[in-house]
Amino acid sequence: WGSCNYHSGSCGSGDRQRYRSVRVSQMCKGAACPTQNQKSSCSKCCPTSCTWSSWGLYTACTASCGSGFQYRYRQITAAATCGGSCSGSNNDRNICSNYVTRNCVLSSWEAG
C-alpha cells in the first residue's frame, strides 16, 4: 500500500492505493485480468489541545491587614489527545490588600 493521502492536512481520514501491472495479457479466451489497482481508507488521529473551564471566582484575600493573595482555579474539561498539548495552569494568583481604616484613640489626660 502507498502512503495515506489525508483529505485535509497530515491527519484525519484519507485514502491509500496500490497498483499492479499485467505481466501476461489475456489471449485465446483466457481469463481476463482482474482490477489492477485498489483503494483503501486510512486514518491517523489528529493532535488536539486540552480545553479549560472558565476561571472560578477569586478567594478572599489571605491578609486581613496589609498585602496578601487571592487565588482562583479552573479545570480541564477535555484532555489533550493524540500527542496534543495542554498549556496553561489550573490556578492563578492575584495580589490583594486589606487596609481597614483605624483612627488613633488617646486615653484621657492624667496628672504627670
N, C-alpha and C. Protein backbone atom coordinates (compact mmCIF):
# COMPACT_ATOMS: atom_id res chain seq x y z
N TRP A 1 0.85 -1.19 0.00
CA TRP A 1 0.00 0.00 0.00
C TRP A 1 0.88 1.23 0.00
N GLY A 2 0.39 2.26 -0.70
CA GLY A 2 1.09 3.53 -0.71
C GLY A 2 0.79 4.31 0.57
N SER A 3 1.41 5.46 0.69
CA SER A 3 1.18 6.32 1.85
C SER A 3 -0.25 6.82 1.84
N CYS A 4 -0.71 7.16 3.01
CA CYS A 4 -2.07 7.70 3.14
C CYS A 4 -2.09 9.14 2.64
N ASN A 5 -3.04 9.45 1.78
CA ASN A 5 -3.28 10.82 1.33
C ASN A 5 -4.47 11.35 2.13
N TYR A 6 -4.15 12.16 3.16
CA TYR A 6 -5.19 12.67 4.05
C TYR A 6 -6.02 13.73 3.34
N HIS A 7 -7.29 13.75 3.62
CA HIS A 7 -8.20 14.69 2.97
C HIS A 7 -7.91 16.13 3.35
N SER A 8 -7.39 16.34 4.54
CA SER A 8 -7.02 17.71 4.94
C SER A 8 -5.80 17.63 5.86
N GLY A 9 -4.70 18.16 5.42
CA GLY A 9 -3.50 18.22 6.24
C GLY A 9 -2.78 16.89 6.34
N SER A 10 -2.26 16.62 7.53
CA SER A 10 -1.44 15.42 7.72
C SER A 10 -2.07 14.43 8.70
N CYS A 11 -3.36 14.56 8.92
CA CYS A 11 -4.04 13.61 9.80
C CYS A 11 -5.53 13.62 9.47
N GLY A 12 -6.26 12.78 10.17
CA GLY A 12 -7.69 12.64 9.90
C GLY A 12 -7.93 11.44 9.01
N SER A 13 -8.93 11.50 8.16
CA SER A 13 -9.22 10.38 7.27
C SER A 13 -8.61 10.63 5.90
N GLY A 14 -8.36 9.55 5.20
CA GLY A 14 -7.77 9.66 3.87
C GLY A 14 -7.91 8.37 3.10
N ASP A 15 -7.18 8.28 2.01
CA ASP A 15 -7.19 7.10 1.14
C ASP A 15 -5.76 6.72 0.81
N ARG A 16 -5.56 5.45 0.56
CA ARG A 16 -4.29 4.98 0.05
C ARG A 16 -4.58 4.00 -1.08
N GLN A 17 -3.62 3.83 -1.96
CA GLN A 17 -3.84 2.98 -3.13
C GLN A 17 -2.67 2.03 -3.33
N ARG A 18 -2.97 0.99 -4.08
CA ARG A 18 -1.91 0.10 -4.53
C ARG A 18 -2.22 -0.32 -5.96
N TYR A 19 -1.17 -0.60 -6.69
CA TYR A 19 -1.29 -0.91 -8.11
C TYR A 19 -0.53 -2.21 -8.42
N ARG A 20 -0.90 -2.83 -9.50
CA ARG A 20 -0.12 -3.94 -10.03
C ARG A 20 -0.22 -3.89 -11.54
N SER A 21 0.79 -4.42 -12.18
CA SER A 21 0.81 -4.37 -13.64
C SER A 21 0.58 -5.76 -14.22
N VAL A 22 0.13 -5.79 -15.45
CA VAL A 22 -0.14 -7.04 -16.16
C VAL A 22 1.20 -7.61 -16.64
N ARG A 23 1.49 -8.82 -16.23
CA ARG A 23 2.74 -9.46 -16.67
C ARG A 23 2.52 -10.26 -17.96
N VAL A 24 1.35 -10.88 -18.07
CA VAL A 24 0.99 -11.62 -19.28
C VAL A 24 -0.45 -11.25 -19.61
N SER A 25 -0.69 -10.77 -20.81
CA SER A 25 -2.03 -10.37 -21.23
C SER A 25 -2.89 -11.58 -21.58
N GLN A 26 -4.17 -11.41 -21.48
CA GLN A 26 -5.16 -12.43 -21.84
C GLN A 26 -5.03 -12.76 -23.33
N MET A 27 -5.13 -14.05 -23.66
CA MET A 27 -5.11 -14.48 -25.06
C MET A 27 -6.00 -15.70 -25.22
N CYS A 28 -6.55 -15.86 -26.40
CA CYS A 28 -7.29 -17.07 -26.76
C CYS A 28 -8.33 -17.47 -25.73
N LYS A 29 -9.20 -16.57 -25.39
CA LYS A 29 -10.29 -16.79 -24.44
C LYS A 29 -9.80 -17.13 -23.03
N GLY A 30 -8.58 -16.72 -22.71
CA GLY A 30 -8.08 -16.92 -21.34
C GLY A 30 -8.78 -15.96 -20.39
N ALA A 31 -8.57 -16.17 -19.16
CA ALA A 31 -9.21 -15.32 -18.13
C ALA A 31 -8.68 -13.90 -18.22
N ALA A 32 -9.61 -12.96 -18.11
CA ALA A 32 -9.24 -11.55 -18.12
C ALA A 32 -8.55 -11.19 -16.81
N CYS A 33 -7.68 -10.20 -16.86
CA CYS A 33 -7.01 -9.75 -15.63
C CYS A 33 -8.00 -9.01 -14.74
N PRO A 34 -7.95 -9.26 -13.44
CA PRO A 34 -8.82 -8.51 -12.52
C PRO A 34 -8.32 -7.07 -12.38
N THR A 35 -8.96 -6.35 -11.52
CA THR A 35 -8.61 -4.96 -11.26
C THR A 35 -7.12 -4.82 -10.99
N GLN A 36 -6.56 -3.78 -11.55
CA GLN A 36 -5.12 -3.59 -11.40
C GLN A 36 -4.77 -2.58 -10.32
N ASN A 37 -5.76 -1.95 -9.75
CA ASN A 37 -5.48 -1.05 -8.63
C ASN A 37 -6.59 -1.17 -7.60
N GLN A 38 -6.24 -0.86 -6.38
CA GLN A 38 -7.20 -0.90 -5.27
C GLN A 38 -7.04 0.36 -4.44
N LYS A 39 -8.12 0.74 -3.80
CA LYS A 39 -8.14 1.91 -2.93
C LYS A 39 -8.64 1.47 -1.56
N SER A 40 -8.07 2.02 -0.52
CA SER A 40 -8.47 1.66 0.84
C SER A 40 -8.50 2.92 1.70
N SER A 41 -9.36 2.91 2.68
CA SER A 41 -9.43 4.04 3.61
C SER A 41 -8.30 3.93 4.63
N CYS A 42 -7.87 5.06 5.11
CA CYS A 42 -6.87 5.09 6.18
C CYS A 42 -7.17 6.29 7.07
N SER A 43 -6.63 6.29 8.25
CA SER A 43 -6.84 7.42 9.15
C SER A 43 -5.70 7.50 10.16
N LYS A 44 -5.51 8.69 10.67
CA LYS A 44 -4.50 8.95 11.69
C LYS A 44 -5.08 10.00 12.62
N CYS A 45 -4.98 9.74 13.89
CA CYS A 45 -5.51 10.63 14.92
C CYS A 45 -4.85 12.02 14.82
N CYS A 46 -5.63 13.07 14.85
CA CYS A 46 -5.10 14.44 14.83
C CYS A 46 -4.88 14.94 16.26
N PRO A 47 -3.71 15.52 16.54
CA PRO A 47 -3.46 16.06 17.88
C PRO A 47 -4.43 17.19 18.21
N THR A 48 -4.98 17.16 19.39
CA THR A 48 -5.83 18.26 19.86
C THR A 48 -5.36 18.70 21.24
N SER A 49 -5.39 19.98 21.47
CA SER A 49 -5.01 20.54 22.77
C SER A 49 -6.15 20.35 23.76
N CYS A 50 -5.82 20.40 25.03
CA CYS A 50 -6.87 20.30 26.05
C CYS A 50 -7.70 21.58 26.05
N THR A 51 -8.85 21.52 26.67
CA THR A 51 -9.66 22.72 26.86
C THR A 51 -9.89 22.92 28.35
N TRP A 52 -9.97 24.17 28.73
CA TRP A 52 -10.12 24.55 30.14
C TRP A 52 -11.53 25.09 30.40
N SER A 53 -11.98 24.94 31.62
CA SER A 53 -13.22 25.58 32.05
C SER A 53 -12.94 27.07 32.23
N SER A 54 -13.97 27.84 32.48
CA SER A 54 -13.79 29.26 32.82
C SER A 54 -13.16 29.35 34.20
N TRP A 55 -12.50 30.46 34.46
CA TRP A 55 -11.92 30.67 35.78
C TRP A 55 -13.03 30.80 36.82
N GLY A 56 -12.80 30.25 37.99
CA GLY A 56 -13.71 30.43 39.11
C GLY A 56 -13.50 31.82 39.72
N LEU A 57 -14.26 32.13 40.74
CA LEU A 57 -14.11 33.41 41.43
C LEU A 57 -12.85 33.40 42.28
N TYR A 58 -12.29 34.59 42.52
CA TYR A 58 -11.13 34.69 43.41
C TYR A 58 -11.53 34.39 44.84
N THR A 59 -10.62 33.78 45.58
CA THR A 59 -10.84 33.52 47.00
C THR A 59 -10.72 34.85 47.75
N ALA A 60 -11.06 34.82 49.03
CA ALA A 60 -10.87 36.00 49.87
C ALA A 60 -9.37 36.26 49.98
N CYS A 61 -9.00 37.49 50.26
CA CYS A 61 -7.60 37.87 50.42
C CYS A 61 -7.02 37.13 51.62
N THR A 62 -5.78 36.65 51.47
CA THR A 62 -5.15 35.89 52.56
C THR A 62 -4.73 36.78 53.72
N ALA A 63 -4.69 38.08 53.51
CA ALA A 63 -4.29 39.01 54.57
C ALA A 63 -5.51 39.76 55.09
N SER A 64 -5.60 39.86 56.41
CA SER A 64 -6.70 40.64 56.98
C SER A 64 -6.30 42.11 57.12
N CYS A 65 -4.99 42.37 57.12
CA CYS A 65 -4.50 43.75 57.16
C CYS A 65 -3.16 43.76 56.42
N GLY A 66 -3.08 44.53 55.37
CA GLY A 66 -1.85 44.57 54.58
C GLY A 66 -2.03 43.83 53.26
N SER A 67 -0.90 43.46 52.66
CA SER A 67 -0.93 42.80 51.35
C SER A 67 -0.99 41.28 51.49
N GLY A 68 -1.72 40.66 50.58
CA GLY A 68 -1.85 39.20 50.57
C GLY A 68 -2.14 38.73 49.15
N PHE A 69 -2.74 37.56 49.05
CA PHE A 69 -3.04 37.00 47.74
C PHE A 69 -4.47 36.49 47.68
N GLN A 70 -4.99 36.50 46.48
CA GLN A 70 -6.27 35.86 46.17
C GLN A 70 -5.97 34.82 45.11
N TYR A 71 -6.68 33.70 45.16
CA TYR A 71 -6.46 32.63 44.19
C TYR A 71 -7.76 32.31 43.46
N ARG A 72 -7.61 31.83 42.23
CA ARG A 72 -8.76 31.31 41.50
C ARG A 72 -8.30 30.06 40.75
N TYR A 73 -9.26 29.21 40.42
CA TYR A 73 -8.94 27.91 39.84
C TYR A 73 -9.82 27.61 38.63
N ARG A 74 -9.35 26.67 37.82
CA ARG A 74 -10.13 26.16 36.69
C ARG A 74 -9.75 24.70 36.49
N GLN A 75 -10.55 24.00 35.69
CA GLN A 75 -10.33 22.57 35.48
C GLN A 75 -10.23 22.26 33.99
N ILE A 76 -9.57 21.16 33.68
CA ILE A 76 -9.53 20.67 32.31
C ILE A 76 -10.88 20.04 32.00
N THR A 77 -11.53 20.50 30.95
CA THR A 77 -12.83 19.95 30.58
C THR A 77 -12.72 18.89 29.49
N ALA A 78 -11.62 18.92 28.73
CA ALA A 78 -11.36 17.89 27.73
C ALA A 78 -9.85 17.70 27.65
N ALA A 79 -9.39 16.48 27.85
CA ALA A 79 -7.96 16.18 27.85
C ALA A 79 -7.38 16.31 26.44
N ALA A 80 -6.09 16.58 26.36
CA ALA A 80 -5.39 16.59 25.08
C ALA A 80 -5.38 15.17 24.52
N THR A 81 -5.43 15.04 23.20
CA THR A 81 -5.44 13.72 22.58
C THR A 81 -4.38 13.64 21.49
N CYS A 82 -3.97 12.43 21.20
CA CYS A 82 -3.06 12.13 20.07
C CYS A 82 -1.79 12.97 20.09
N GLY A 83 -1.22 13.17 21.26
CA GLY A 83 0.02 13.93 21.35
C GLY A 83 -0.17 15.43 21.42
N GLY A 84 -1.41 15.89 21.55
CA GLY A 84 -1.66 17.32 21.70
C GLY A 84 -1.17 17.81 23.06
N SER A 85 -1.09 19.10 23.23
CA SER A 85 -0.55 19.66 24.46
C SER A 85 -1.65 20.28 25.32
N CYS A 86 -1.26 20.58 26.54
CA CYS A 86 -2.17 21.24 27.48
C CYS A 86 -1.39 22.37 28.14
N SER A 87 -1.45 23.55 27.54
CA SER A 87 -0.69 24.66 28.09
C SER A 87 -1.56 25.48 29.03
N GLY A 88 -0.90 26.14 29.93
CA GLY A 88 -1.62 26.95 30.91
C GLY A 88 -1.58 26.30 32.27
N SER A 89 -2.19 26.94 33.21
CA SER A 89 -2.20 26.47 34.59
C SER A 89 -3.63 26.36 35.10
N ASN A 90 -3.81 25.54 36.10
CA ASN A 90 -5.15 25.40 36.68
C ASN A 90 -5.38 26.39 37.82
N ASN A 91 -4.34 27.21 38.15
CA ASN A 91 -4.54 28.19 39.22
C ASN A 91 -3.92 29.52 38.82
N ASP A 92 -4.43 30.58 39.44
CA ASP A 92 -3.99 31.93 39.15
C ASP A 92 -3.95 32.68 40.46
N ARG A 93 -2.97 33.57 40.62
CA ARG A 93 -2.80 34.31 41.87
C ARG A 93 -2.84 35.80 41.58
N ASN A 94 -3.49 36.53 42.44
CA ASN A 94 -3.62 37.98 42.31
C ASN A 94 -3.20 38.61 43.64
N ILE A 95 -2.46 39.72 43.57
CA ILE A 95 -2.08 40.42 44.80
C ILE A 95 -3.28 41.24 45.27
N CYS A 96 -3.52 41.20 46.55
CA CYS A 96 -4.64 41.96 47.12
C CYS A 96 -4.17 42.66 48.38
N SER A 97 -4.93 43.60 48.85
CA SER A 97 -4.59 44.28 50.10
C SER A 97 -5.85 44.62 50.86
N ASN A 98 -5.74 44.50 52.14
CA ASN A 98 -6.84 44.87 53.04
C ASN A 98 -6.29 45.86 54.05
N TYR A 99 -6.75 47.05 53.97
CA TYR A 99 -6.36 48.06 54.94
C TYR A 99 -7.64 48.61 55.55
N VAL A 100 -7.87 48.25 56.79
CA VAL A 100 -9.06 48.72 57.50
C VAL A 100 -8.71 50.05 58.14
N THR A 101 -9.53 51.04 57.88
CA THR A 101 -9.28 52.36 58.46
C THR A 101 -9.45 52.27 59.97
N ARG A 102 -8.43 52.73 60.66
CA ARG A 102 -8.47 52.68 62.12
C ARG A 102 -7.92 54.02 62.62
N ASN A 103 -8.74 54.75 63.32
CA ASN A 103 -8.33 56.05 63.85
C ASN A 103 -7.60 55.87 65.17
N CYS A 104 -6.70 56.77 65.41
CA CYS A 104 -5.97 56.78 66.67
C CYS A 104 -6.94 57.19 67.80
N VAL A 105 -6.85 56.53 68.93
CA VAL A 105 -7.68 56.85 70.09
C VAL A 105 -6.74 57.07 71.27
N LEU A 106 -6.84 58.23 71.90
CA LEU A 106 -5.98 58.54 73.06
C LEU A 106 -6.74 58.36 74.36
N SER A 107 -5.99 58.07 75.37
CA SER A 107 -6.60 58.00 76.72
C SER A 107 -6.87 59.41 77.22
N SER A 108 -7.56 59.51 78.33
CA SER A 108 -7.80 60.82 78.95
C SER A 108 -6.48 61.31 79.52
N TRP A 109 -6.42 62.59 79.68
CA TRP A 109 -5.21 63.19 80.29
C TRP A 109 -5.10 62.74 81.74
N GLU A 110 -3.88 62.53 82.14
CA GLU A 110 -3.62 62.16 83.55
C GLU A 110 -2.57 63.10 84.09
N ALA A 111 -2.55 63.22 85.37
CA ALA A 111 -1.54 64.09 86.01
C ALA A 111 -0.19 63.41 85.88
N GLY A 112 0.82 64.22 85.65
CA GLY A 112 2.11 63.66 85.43
C GLY A 112 3.07 64.11 86.37
